[in-house]
C-alpha atoms as a PDB file:
ATOM      1  CA  MET A   1     122.950 107.320 185.574  1.00  0.00           C
ATOM      2  CA  ALA A   2     120.035 108.179 183.294  1.00  0.00           C
ATOM      3  CA  ASN A   3     117.824 111.138 184.163  1.00  0.00           C
ATOM      4  CA  ILE A   4     115.182 110.855 181.455  1.00  0.00           C
ATOM      5  CA  LYS A   5     112.245 108.549 182.152  1.00  0.00           C
ATOM      6  CA  SER A   6     112.463 106.708 178.831  1.00  0.00           C
ATOM      7  CA  ALA A   7     116.183 106.099 179.336  1.00  0.00           C
ATOM      8  CA  LYS A   8     115.501 104.672 182.806  1.00  0.00           C
ATOM      9  CA  LYS A   9     112.890 102.363 181.299  1.00  0.00           C
ATOM     10  CA  ARG A  10     115.325 101.240 178.577  1.00  0.00           C
ATOM     11  CA  ILE A  11     117.838 100.271 181.273  1.00  0.00           C
ATOM     12  CA  LEU A  12     115.232  98.164 183.094  1.00  0.00           C
ATOM     13  CA  VAL A  13     113.938  96.533 179.912  1.00  0.00           C
ATOM     14  CA  ASN A  14     117.473  95.735 178.718  1.00  0.00           C
ATOM     15  CA  GLU A  15     118.312  94.114 182.059  1.00  0.00           C
ATOM     16  CA  THR A  16     115.171  91.981 181.862  1.00  0.00           C
ATOM     17  CA  LYS A  17     115.911  90.880 178.293  1.00  0.00           C
ATOM     18  CA  ALA A  18     119.561  90.164 179.113  1.00  0.00           C
ATOM     19  CA  ALA A  19     118.524  87.953 182.042  1.00  0.00           C
ATOM     20  CA  ARG A  20     116.055  86.051 179.842  1.00  0.00           C
ATOM     21  CA  ASN A  21     118.630  85.546 177.083  1.00  0.00           C
ATOM     22  CA  LYS A  22     121.236  84.410 179.607  1.00  0.00           C
ATOM     23  CA  ALA A  23     118.849  81.806 181.045  1.00  0.00           C
ATOM     24  CA  ILE A  24     117.988  80.474 177.587  1.00  0.00           C
ATOM     25  CA  ARG A  25     121.666  80.309 176.547  1.00  0.00           C
ATOM     26  CA  SER A  26     122.463  78.489 179.776  1.00  0.00           C
ATOM     27  CA  LYS A  27     119.781  75.879 179.040  1.00  0.00           C
ATOM     28  CA  VAL A  28     121.218  75.307 175.566  1.00  0.00           C
ATOM     29  CA  LYS A  29     124.765  74.964 176.893  1.00  0.00           C
ATOM     30  CA  THR A  30     123.623  72.491 179.562  1.00  0.00           C
ATOM     31  CA  SER A  31     121.816  70.334 177.006  1.00  0.00           C
ATOM     32  CA  ILE A  32     124.881  70.340 174.732  1.00  0.00           C
ATOM     33  CA  LYS A  33     127.088  69.333 177.668  1.00  0.00           C
ATOM     34  CA  LYS A  34     124.771  66.390 178.355  1.00  0.00           C
ATOM     35  CA  VAL A  35     125.204  65.205 174.767  1.00  0.00           C
ATOM     36  CA  GLU A  36     128.986  65.606 174.996  1.00  0.00           C
ATOM     37  CA  ALA A  37     129.073  63.703 178.299  1.00  0.00           C
ATOM     38  CA  ALA A  38     127.148  60.811 176.742  1.00  0.00           C
ATOM     39  CA  ILE A  39     129.540  60.825 173.777  1.00  0.00           C
ATOM     40  CA  ALA A  40     132.547  60.766 176.098  1.00  0.00           C
ATOM     41  CA  ALA A  41     131.014  57.825 177.966  1.00  0.00           C
ATOM     42  CA  GLY A  42     130.428  56.044 174.655  1.00  0.00           C
ATOM     43  CA  ASP A  43     126.705  55.581 175.370  1.00  0.00           C
ATOM     44  CA  LYS A  44     125.066  55.905 171.959  1.00  0.00           C
ATOM     45  CA  ALA A  45     121.474  55.488 173.187  1.00  0.00           C
ATOM     46  CA  ALA A  46     121.846  58.201 175.823  1.00  0.00           C
ATOM     47  CA  ALA A  47     123.637  60.433 173.338  1.00  0.00           C
ATOM     48  CA  GLN A  48     120.808  60.145 170.819  1.00  0.00           C
ATOM     49  CA  ALA A  49     118.174  60.805 173.480  1.00  0.00           C
ATOM     50  CA  SER A  50     119.998  63.863 174.780  1.00  0.00           C
ATOM     51  CA  LEU A  51     120.642  64.980 171.185  1.00  0.00           C
ATOM     52  CA  LEU A  52     116.906  65.253 170.557  1.00  0.00           C
ATOM     53  CA  SER A  53     116.363  67.385 173.659  1.00  0.00           C
ATOM     54  CA  ALA A  54     119.388  69.541 172.781  1.00  0.00           C
ATOM     55  CA  ILE A  55     118.069  70.169 169.273  1.00  0.00           C
ATOM     56  CA  THR A  56     114.702  71.134 170.751  1.00  0.00           C
ATOM     57  CA  GLU A  57     116.343  73.613 173.142  1.00  0.00           C
ATOM     58  CA  ILE A  58     118.436  75.123 170.344  1.00  0.00           C
ATOM     59  CA  ASP A  59     115.360  75.500 168.124  1.00  0.00           C
ATOM     60  CA  LYS A  60     113.420  77.171 170.928  1.00  0.00           C
ATOM     61  CA  ALA A  61     116.285  79.601 171.514  1.00  0.00           C
ATOM     62  CA  THR A  62     116.357  80.414 167.805  1.00  0.00           C
ATOM     63  CA  THR A  63     112.615  81.012 167.723  1.00  0.00           C
ATOM     64  CA  LYS A  64     112.939  83.414 170.655  1.00  0.00           C
ATOM     65  CA  GLY A  65     115.677  85.342 168.875  1.00  0.00           C
ATOM     66  CA  VAL A  66     118.510  84.376 171.211  1.00  0.00           C
ATOM     67  CA  TYR A  67     120.517  82.652 168.456  1.00  0.00           C
ATOM     68  CA  HIS A  68     120.785  83.440 164.753  1.00  0.00           C
ATOM     69  CA  LYS A  69     119.453  80.639 162.546  1.00  0.00           C
ATOM     70  CA  ASN A  70     122.894  79.896 161.093  1.00  0.00           C
ATOM     71  CA  THR A  71     124.416  79.677 164.566  1.00  0.00           C
ATOM     72  CA  ALA A  72     121.680  77.264 165.600  1.00  0.00           C
ATOM     73  CA  SER A  73     122.223  75.151 162.476  1.00  0.00           C
ATOM     74  CA  ARG A  74     125.954  75.034 163.144  1.00  0.00           C
ATOM     75  CA  LYS A  75     125.438  73.895 166.735  1.00  0.00           C
ATOM     76  CA  VAL A  76     122.943  71.208 165.710  1.00  0.00           C
ATOM     77  CA  SER A  77     125.216  70.030 162.900  1.00  0.00           C
ATOM     78  CA  ARG A  78     128.260  69.718 165.141  1.00  0.00           C
ATOM     79  CA  ILE A  79     126.564  67.753 167.917  1.00  0.00           C
ATOM     80  CA  THR A  80     124.706  65.528 165.414  1.00  0.00           C
ATOM     81  CA  LYS A  81     127.973  64.769 163.626  1.00  0.00           C
ATOM     82  CA  ALA A  82     129.618  63.908 166.960  1.00  0.00           C
ATOM     83  CA  VAL A  83     126.785  61.550 167.949  1.00  0.00           C
ATOM     84  CA  ASN A  84     126.866  59.835 164.556  1.00  0.00           C
ATOM     85  CA  ALA A  85     130.627  59.316 164.909  1.00  0.00           C
ATOM     86  CA  ILE A  86     130.150  57.043 167.939  1.00  0.00           C
ATOM     87  CA  ALA A  87     130.967  53.505 166.849  1.00  0.00           C
END
C-alpha cells in the first residue's frame, strides 16, 4: 500500500480512468455484437443501421484515447467488410 500522498492519488486516478475505459470498451463491444448478430440473422437493413452506430461508438472511443487510431480503423474495416458481404 502506498504511503505517499501523491502515490495514493495516482492509485485513485488510475482506478477512475480504468473504470471509464472499461465502460467505453464495453459499449464498443456491445455495438459490434449487434452488427454481428444482424449479419448472422441475414438482415442487411438492420446490419447497416447497427453498423453506423458501431462506427460512431468506435470513433468516440478513439477520440477519448481508449483505442489507437489504427485499431479503430481495423475494427471499422472488418465489420464494414462483413456487412458488405451479406448477399
